[in-house]
């Protein structure tokens, strides 16, 4: 493991907190999108190939986790996370993700009675589960081989992911190597059921390239901290971002951008996008000190896990409980938003409303010094 890159090991960067918080806020907004008919297309994930703003959220969250890892793993040796803490954090992320993916563990049946989800139908993969696995894999690479190992892993994992997808499947949902692996490991009833057939967009195979997004965040943060001043790293990050964006778009012609498969072109494109956005945030917030309004996103950035889980629990409860013939979620939307705001703006306003509610909870936690750390 390399030595710390900065004598100020615990220095915080406003850009990282704001980018992390903006990602959580956008994630909540995206998760509140209702349908292609009711919501703006950029807030809906691509059906298969393609790229929308919604598709940028998850890789950016992985990237900012990598940013935080640079602050933790490049401390002096006696203050870095030990193996026990690494494994515990990974397992806790997976456990919390399993809870979120399946909450409230049941539903009301047609007769109005509560029916618990059978263990045989519990979903195993999920968003936080992938983050937990990517964190564990990233931590192993960083602890054993440092920044050089992170770069080597990225260089090897991107073509390896492409090779595995090409040699063990195709680029369709039904014939993908990702589905074949998940069916073999988990079985069809433990996968996400919202694609028209069992298929999990957060399955095992995609975790390998997703780890590259996390390690890219680690390397980017190291570059910023190694620079004599943050401004010195901004140009290099922006240039690297533009080059990777171009490479991802070029590769898209033969290997389409696809979040649900997490294709290698998708990795290059999203890493490039995040490098460029991080460079912009550092320039505006940490160099130019243009911090007006940053406190709003900083609230999300200081408690990202807790606020994400709270938003997911609130949405799950709203979809579960019913008001007459419709869910509470749709009853609120139809009465308070669609009835007052016409068109797709109603769905967007609904998403903003939950963002503001969760922000208020985060602000309350801030004032009381409540921060959830795994």
Protein backbone atom coordinates (compact mmCIF):
# COMPACT_ATOMS: atom_id res chain seq x y z
CA UNK A 1 0.00 0.00 0.00
CA UNK A 2 1.37 3.41 -0.95
CA UNK A 3 1.96 6.14 1.57
CA UNK A 4 -0.67 8.85 2.16
CA UNK A 5 -0.67 11.35 -0.66
CA UNK A 6 -1.34 14.36 1.53
CA UNK A 7 -0.05 15.44 4.90
CA UNK A 8 -3.58 16.55 5.73
CA UNK A 9 -5.03 13.07 5.82
CA UNK A 10 -8.51 14.04 6.94
CA UNK A 11 -8.99 17.09 4.70
CA UNK A 12 -12.52 17.19 3.35
CA UNK A 13 -13.52 18.53 -0.03
CA UNK A 14 -16.84 20.28 -0.38
CA UNK A 15 -17.08 19.05 -3.96
CA UNK A 16 -17.18 15.42 -2.79
CA UNK A 17 -19.94 16.04 -0.24
CA UNK A 18 -21.99 18.02 -2.75
CA UNK A 19 -21.54 15.51 -5.58
CA UNK A 20 -22.47 12.65 -3.25
CA UNK A 21 -25.50 14.56 -1.99
CA UNK A 22 -26.63 15.58 -5.47
CA UNK A 23 -26.39 11.92 -6.50
CA UNK A 24 -28.62 10.81 -3.62
CA UNK A 25 -31.15 13.56 -4.37
CA UNK A 26 -31.21 12.60 -8.05
CA UNK A 27 -31.51 8.92 -7.12
CA UNK A 28 -34.65 9.70 -5.09
CA UNK A 29 -36.09 11.76 -7.95
CA UNK A 30 -35.40 8.97 -10.43
CA UNK A 31 -36.92 6.32 -8.17
CA UNK A 32 -40.09 8.43 -7.96
CA UNK A 33 -40.58 8.39 -11.74
CA UNK A 34 -43.87 6.65 -12.48
CA UNK A 35 -44.06 5.63 -16.14
CA UNK A 36 -43.04 6.66 -19.67
CA UNK A 37 -46.45 8.29 -20.06
CA UNK A 38 -46.34 10.25 -16.78
CA UNK A 39 -42.62 11.03 -16.36
CA UNK A 40 -39.88 12.78 -18.31
CA UNK A 41 -37.78 10.33 -20.32
CA UNK A 42 -34.45 11.47 -18.84
CA UNK A 43 -35.66 10.31 -15.40
CA UNK A 44 -36.44 6.81 -16.65
CA UNK A 45 -33.80 4.14 -17.13
CA UNK A 46 -33.15 3.00 -20.67
CA UNK A 47 -35.31 0.02 -21.52
CA UNK A 48 -32.18 -1.81 -22.74
CA UNK A 49 -29.46 -0.20 -24.86
CA UNK A 50 -28.98 3.54 -24.53
CA UNK A 51 -28.28 6.15 -21.87
CA UNK A 52 -30.38 8.62 -19.90
CA UNK A 53 -29.73 10.84 -16.89
CA UNK A 54 -31.26 8.12 -14.71
CA UNK A 55 -28.62 5.67 -15.92
CA UNK A 56 -25.87 7.97 -14.62
CA UNK A 57 -27.02 7.82 -10.98
CA UNK A 58 -25.78 4.40 -9.87
CA UNK A 59 -22.31 4.58 -11.44
CA UNK A 60 -21.88 8.05 -9.95
CA UNK A 61 -22.76 6.73 -6.51
CA UNK A 62 -20.10 4.04 -6.91
CA UNK A 63 -17.66 6.73 -8.03
CA UNK A 64 -18.26 8.91 -4.95
CA UNK A 65 -17.88 5.89 -2.67
CA UNK A 66 -14.47 5.50 -4.30
CA UNK A 67 -13.75 9.18 -3.55
CA UNK A 68 -14.42 8.52 0.13
CA UNK A 69 -12.22 5.42 0.07
CA UNK A 70 -9.24 7.59 -0.93
CA UNK A 71 -9.76 9.67 2.20
CA UNK A 72 -9.95 6.56 4.40
CA UNK A 73 -7.41 4.18 2.86
CA UNK A 74 -4.63 6.70 2.33
CA UNK A 75 -4.38 7.59 5.99
CA UNK A 76 -1.33 6.51 8.02
CA UNK A 77 -1.16 2.72 8.41
CA UNK A 78 -2.52 2.68 11.97
CA UNK A 79 -5.64 4.59 10.94
CA UNK A 80 -6.64 2.76 7.74
CA UNK A 81 -9.62 0.40 7.81
CA UNK A 82 -8.49 -3.07 8.89
CA UNK A 83 -9.62 -6.30 7.29
CA UNK A 84 -12.24 -6.88 9.97
CA UNK A 85 -13.80 -3.47 9.40
CA UNK A 86 -13.71 -3.93 5.63
CA UNK A 87 -15.53 -7.26 5.77
CA UNK A 88 -18.02 -5.99 8.38
CA UNK A 89 -18.84 -2.89 6.32
CA UNK A 90 -19.34 -4.96 3.17
CA UNK A 91 -21.61 -7.45 4.93
CA UNK A 92 -23.63 -4.67 6.56
CA UNK A 93 -24.14 -2.97 3.20
CA UNK A 94 -25.33 -6.26 1.72
CA UNK A 95 -27.66 -6.86 4.68
CA UNK A 96 -29.15 -3.36 4.53
CA UNK A 97 -29.54 -3.75 0.77
CA UNK A 98 -31.34 -7.06 1.21
CA UNK A 99 -33.71 -5.36 3.66
CA UNK A 100 -34.38 -2.44 1.29
CA UNK A 101 -34.84 -4.71 -1.75
CA UNK A 102 -37.56 -6.74 -0.01
CA UNK A 103 -39.21 -4.32 2.42
CA UNK A 104 -41.96 -4.58 3.65
CA UNK A 105 -41.64 -8.35 3.06
CA UNK A 106 -45.23 -8.78 1.98
CA UNK A 107 -48.29 -7.19 0.40
CA UNK A 108 -52.04 -7.00 0.68
CA UNK A 109 -53.72 -9.67 -1.45
CA UNK A 110 -56.91 -9.19 -3.45
CA UNK A 111 -58.99 -10.00 -0.37
CA UNK A 112 -57.31 -7.22 1.60
CA UNK A 113 -55.40 -9.60 3.87
CA UNK A 114 -51.67 -9.31 4.47
CA UNK A 115 -49.58 -12.00 2.75
CA UNK A 116 -45.94 -12.38 3.77
CA UNK A 117 -43.35 -12.87 1.06
CA UNK A 118 -42.18 -16.47 0.97
CA UNK A 119 -38.49 -17.06 1.56
CA UNK A 120 -38.31 -18.76 -1.83
CA UNK A 121 -39.29 -15.44 -3.47
CA UNK A 122 -36.93 -13.10 -1.62
CA UNK A 123 -34.79 -11.01 -3.96
CA UNK A 124 -31.08 -11.46 -3.24
CA UNK A 125 -29.21 -8.95 -5.49
CA UNK A 126 -29.82 -5.20 -5.30
CA UNK A 127 -28.25 -1.73 -5.36
CA UNK A 128 -26.63 -1.73 -1.93
CA UNK A 129 -25.67 -5.38 -2.35
CA UNK A 130 -23.65 -4.47 -5.43
CA UNK A 131 -22.10 -1.52 -3.60
CA UNK A 132 -21.13 -3.83 -0.74
CA UNK A 133 -19.49 -6.35 -3.07
CA UNK A 134 -17.75 -3.65 -5.12
CA UNK A 135 -16.50 -2.05 -1.90
CA UNK A 136 -15.08 -5.37 -0.70
CA UNK A 137 -13.34 -6.05 -4.00
CA UNK A 138 -12.04 -2.46 -4.23
CA UNK A 139 -10.77 -2.56 -0.66
CA UNK A 140 -8.89 -5.81 -1.29
CA UNK A 141 -7.23 -4.32 -4.37
CA UNK A 142 -6.30 -1.10 -2.58
CA UNK A 143 -5.03 -2.77 0.59
CA UNK A 144 -2.91 -5.30 -1.30
CA UNK A 145 -1.69 -3.27 -4.27
CA UNK A 146 -2.56 0.41 -3.74
CA UNK A 147 -3.15 2.83 -6.60
CA UNK A 148 -1.08 0.76 -9.03
CA UNK A 149 -3.27 -2.24 -8.32
CA UNK A 150 -6.40 -0.13 -8.81
CA UNK A 151 -5.19 1.00 -12.23
CA UNK A 152 -4.20 -2.53 -13.20
CA UNK A 153 -7.56 -3.94 -12.12
CA UNK A 154 -9.39 -1.32 -14.19
CA UNK A 155 -7.27 -1.93 -17.28
CA UNK A 156 -7.86 -5.70 -17.05
CA UNK A 157 -11.49 -5.73 -15.89
CA UNK A 158 -12.90 -3.63 -18.74
CA UNK A 159 -11.81 -5.99 -21.58
CA UNK A 160 -12.44 -9.04 -19.35
CA UNK A 161 -16.05 -7.99 -18.87
CA UNK A 162 -16.45 -7.56 -22.64
CA UNK A 163 -14.90 -10.99 -23.27
CA UNK A 164 -17.11 -12.74 -20.72
CA UNK A 165 -20.25 -11.19 -22.17
CA UNK A 166 -19.31 -12.11 -25.73
CA UNK A 167 -18.17 -15.68 -25.06
CA UNK A 168 -20.85 -16.80 -22.61
CA UNK A 169 -23.88 -14.99 -23.96
CA UNK A 170 -25.12 -12.19 -26.17
CA UNK A 171 -26.40 -8.65 -25.73
CA UNK A 172 -30.06 -9.61 -25.24
CA UNK A 173 -31.72 -9.91 -21.86
CA UNK A 174 -32.73 -13.53 -22.44
CA UNK A 175 -29.35 -14.67 -23.76
CA UNK A 176 -27.01 -12.58 -21.64
CA UNK A 177 -24.17 -14.13 -19.66
CA UNK A 178 -25.34 -12.02 -16.71
CA UNK A 179 -28.71 -13.78 -16.61
CA UNK A 180 -27.15 -17.22 -17.05
CA UNK A 181 -24.83 -16.66 -14.10
CA UNK A 182 -27.55 -15.29 -11.83
CA UNK A 183 -29.94 -18.12 -12.70
CA UNK A 184 -27.22 -20.64 -11.87
CA UNK A 185 -26.31 -18.99 -8.55
CA UNK A 186 -29.62 -17.61 -7.26
CA UNK A 187 -32.39 -19.22 -9.30
CA UNK A 188 -35.21 -17.33 -11.05
CA UNK A 189 -37.36 -16.58 -7.98
CA UNK A 190 -34.58 -14.68 -6.18
CA UNK A 191 -34.09 -12.15 -9.00
CA UNK A 192 -35.84 -8.88 -9.85
CA UNK A 193 -39.17 -9.59 -11.54
CA UNK A 194 -39.82 -6.22 -13.20
CA UNK A 195 -38.26 -6.89 -16.63
CA UNK A 196 -41.04 -9.12 -17.91
CA UNK A 197 -39.09 -12.18 -16.80
CA UNK A 198 -36.61 -12.90 -14.00
CA UNK A 199 -33.55 -10.69 -14.58
CA UNK A 200 -31.56 -8.66 -12.10
CA UNK A 201 -29.84 -5.45 -13.27
CA UNK A 202 -27.72 -5.63 -10.09
CA UNK A 203 -26.58 -9.21 -10.62
CA UNK A 204 -23.18 -10.77 -10.04
CA UNK A 205 -21.43 -10.37 -13.40
CA UNK A 206 -21.95 -6.62 -13.57
CA UNK A 207 -20.26 -6.20 -10.20
CA UNK A 208 -16.83 -6.68 -11.81
CA UNK A 209 -17.07 -3.67 -14.17
CA UNK A 210 -18.98 -1.69 -11.51
CA UNK A 211 -15.92 -2.04 -9.29
CA UNK A 212 -13.98 -0.13 -11.95
CA UNK A 213 -16.32 2.84 -11.41
CA UNK A 214 -15.54 2.73 -7.69
CA UNK A 215 -11.79 2.42 -8.19
CA UNK A 216 -11.91 5.30 -10.69
CA UNK A 217 -13.39 7.45 -7.94
CA UNK A 218 -10.56 6.38 -5.62
CA UNK A 219 -7.90 7.26 -8.19
CA UNK A 220 -9.53 10.59 -9.02
CA UNK A 221 -9.59 11.62 -5.37
CA UNK A 222 -5.95 10.61 -4.98
CA UNK A 223 -5.05 12.80 -7.94
CA UNK A 224 -6.80 15.78 -6.36
CA UNK A 225 -5.13 15.25 -2.99
CA UNK A 226 -1.70 14.71 -4.54
CA UNK A 227 -1.85 18.03 -6.39
CA UNK A 228 -0.21 21.02 -4.64
CA UNK A 229 -3.59 22.78 -4.86
CA UNK A 230 -6.93 21.31 -6.07
CA UNK A 231 -6.90 23.57 -9.14
CA UNK A 232 -3.80 21.80 -10.43
CA UNK A 233 -5.72 18.54 -10.81
CA UNK A 234 -8.87 19.95 -12.38
CA UNK A 235 -7.55 20.20 -15.94
CA UNK A 236 -6.13 16.68 -15.91
CA UNK A 237 -9.36 15.19 -14.56
CA UNK A 238 -11.44 17.09 -17.11
CA UNK A 239 -9.19 15.97 -19.99
CA UNK A 240 -9.28 12.35 -18.83
CA UNK A 241 -13.05 12.62 -18.55
CA UNK A 242 -13.46 13.94 -22.09
CA UNK A 243 -11.20 11.22 -23.52
CA UNK A 244 -13.08 8.45 -21.72
CA UNK A 245 -16.43 9.89 -22.77
CA UNK A 246 -15.24 9.84 -26.38
CA UNK A 247 -13.90 6.29 -26.01
CA UNK A 248 -17.18 5.10 -24.53
CA UNK A 249 -19.20 6.68 -27.32
CA UNK A 250 -16.89 5.22 -29.96
CA UNK A 251 -17.17 1.74 -28.45
CA UNK A 252 -20.94 2.19 -28.24
CA UNK A 253 -21.05 1.64 -32.01
CA UNK A 254 -20.04 -1.99 -31.52
CA UNK A 255 -20.82 -2.58 -27.84
CA UNK A 256 -23.84 -0.48 -26.86
CA UNK A 257 -24.06 1.50 -23.64
CA UNK A 258 -26.23 -0.65 -21.40
CA UNK A 259 -26.65 -0.07 -17.66
CA UNK A 260 -28.54 -3.30 -17.03
CA UNK A 261 -25.67 -5.31 -18.53
CA UNK A 262 -23.08 -2.78 -17.28
CA UNK A 263 -21.22 -3.09 -20.56
CA UNK A 264 -17.58 -2.03 -20.84
CA UNK A 265 -18.54 0.93 -23.05
CA UNK A 266 -20.92 1.98 -20.26
CA UNK A 267 -18.02 1.85 -17.78
CA UNK A 268 -15.80 4.10 -19.90
CA UNK A 269 -18.59 6.55 -20.62
CA UNK A 270 -19.80 6.88 -17.01
CA UNK A 271 -16.28 7.12 -15.56
CA UNK A 272 -15.54 9.86 -18.10
CA UNK A 273 -18.75 11.67 -17.20
CA UNK A 274 -18.00 11.48 -13.47
CA UNK A 275 -14.43 12.68 -13.91
CA UNK A 276 -15.67 15.70 -15.82
CA UNK A 277 -18.42 16.45 -13.29
CA UNK A 278 -16.03 16.05 -10.35
CA UNK A 279 -13.54 18.39 -12.00
CA UNK A 280 -16.30 20.97 -12.47
CA UNK A 281 -17.44 20.61 -8.85
CA UNK A 282 -13.90 20.97 -7.49
CA UNK A 283 -13.33 24.03 -9.66
CA UNK A 284 -16.56 25.74 -8.60
CA UNK A 285 -16.69 24.73 -4.93
CA UNK A 286 -13.14 24.15 -3.72
CA UNK A 287 -11.23 26.51 -6.02
CA UNK A 288 -13.59 29.40 -6.84
CA UNK A 289 -15.53 29.00 -3.56
CA UNK A 290 -18.88 29.46 -5.31
CA UNK A 291 -20.74 27.66 -2.55
CA UNK A 292 -24.19 29.29 -2.68
CA UNK A 293 -26.83 26.57 -2.33
CA UNK A 294 -24.28 23.82 -1.71
CA UNK A 295 -25.55 23.28 1.82
CA UNK A 296 -28.74 21.67 0.47
CA UNK A 297 -26.83 18.86 -1.23
CA UNK A 298 -24.29 18.74 1.58
CA UNK A 299 -27.09 17.60 3.89
CA UNK A 300 -27.63 14.54 1.69
CA UNK A 301 -23.88 14.03 1.28
CA UNK A 302 -23.21 13.79 5.02
CA UNK A 303 -25.80 11.05 5.57
CA UNK A 304 -26.18 9.35 2.18
CA UNK A 305 -26.90 5.80 3.31
CA UNK A 306 -29.47 6.72 5.95
CA UNK A 307 -31.35 9.14 3.72
CA UNK A 308 -31.35 6.73 0.77
CA UNK A 309 -32.77 3.95 2.97
CA UNK A 310 -35.39 6.31 4.47
CA UNK A 311 -36.53 7.33 0.98
CA UNK A 312 -36.80 3.71 -0.13
CA UNK A 313 -38.77 2.70 2.96
CA UNK A 314 -41.18 5.62 2.52
CA UNK A 315 -41.75 4.74 -1.14
CA UNK A 316 -42.26 1.05 -0.36
CA UNK A 317 -44.83 1.85 2.31
CA UNK A 318 -46.65 4.23 -0.04
CA UNK A 319 -46.82 1.58 -2.76
CA UNK A 320 -47.95 -1.09 -0.24
CA UNK A 321 -50.84 0.60 1.56
CA UNK A 322 -54.01 1.20 -0.39
CA UNK A 323 -56.62 3.91 -0.61
CA UNK A 324 -59.67 2.37 -2.23
CA UNK A 325 -58.64 0.72 -5.48
CA UNK A 326 -55.23 2.38 -5.76
CA UNK A 327 -52.00 2.48 -3.82
CA UNK A 328 -51.34 5.30 -1.37
CA UNK A 329 -48.46 6.34 -3.67
CA UNK A 330 -50.77 6.85 -6.64
CA UNK A 331 -53.55 8.34 -4.52
CA UNK A 332 -51.18 11.10 -3.33
CA UNK A 333 -49.93 11.66 -6.88
CA UNK A 334 -53.38 11.78 -8.46
CA UNK A 335 -54.81 14.08 -5.77
CA UNK A 336 -51.97 16.45 -4.92
CA UNK A 337 -49.84 16.54 -8.05
CA UNK A 338 -51.53 15.30 -11.20
CA UNK A 339 -54.69 17.09 -10.11
CA UNK A 340 -52.83 20.36 -9.57
CA UNK A 341 -49.92 20.21 -12.04
CA UNK A 342 -50.62 19.02 -15.56
CA UNK A 343 -48.47 16.77 -17.69
CA UNK A 344 -45.16 15.22 -16.77
CA UNK A 345 -44.30 18.15 -14.51
CA UNK A 346 -46.65 16.61 -11.95
CA UNK A 347 -44.49 13.51 -11.65
CA UNK A 348 -41.35 15.65 -11.37
CA UNK A 349 -42.93 17.79 -8.64
CA UNK A 350 -43.89 14.60 -6.80
CA UNK A 351 -40.26 13.49 -6.87
CA UNK A 352 -39.07 16.90 -5.66
CA UNK A 353 -41.56 16.72 -2.80
CA UNK A 354 -40.00 13.50 -1.50
CA UNK A 355 -36.53 14.98 -1.96
CA UNK A 356 -37.54 17.94 0.22
CA UNK A 357 -39.10 15.66 2.84
CA UNK A 358 -35.97 13.51 3.04
CA UNK A 359 -33.81 16.65 3.10
CA UNK A 360 -35.81 17.91 6.10
CA UNK A 361 -35.15 14.61 7.87
CA UNK A 362 -31.46 14.91 7.00
CA UNK A 363 -31.36 18.48 8.27
CA UNK A 364 -32.90 17.34 11.56
CA UNK A 365 -30.26 14.60 11.82
CA UNK A 366 -27.55 17.16 11.04
CA UNK A 367 -28.62 19.44 13.84
CA UNK A 368 -28.51 16.59 16.32
CA UNK A 369 -25.22 15.22 15.10
CA UNK A 370 -26.76 11.93 13.94
CA UNK A 371 -24.64 10.35 11.21
CA UNK A 372 -25.00 6.75 10.11
CA UNK A 373 -21.66 5.12 9.34
CA UNK A 374 -21.24 1.40 8.68
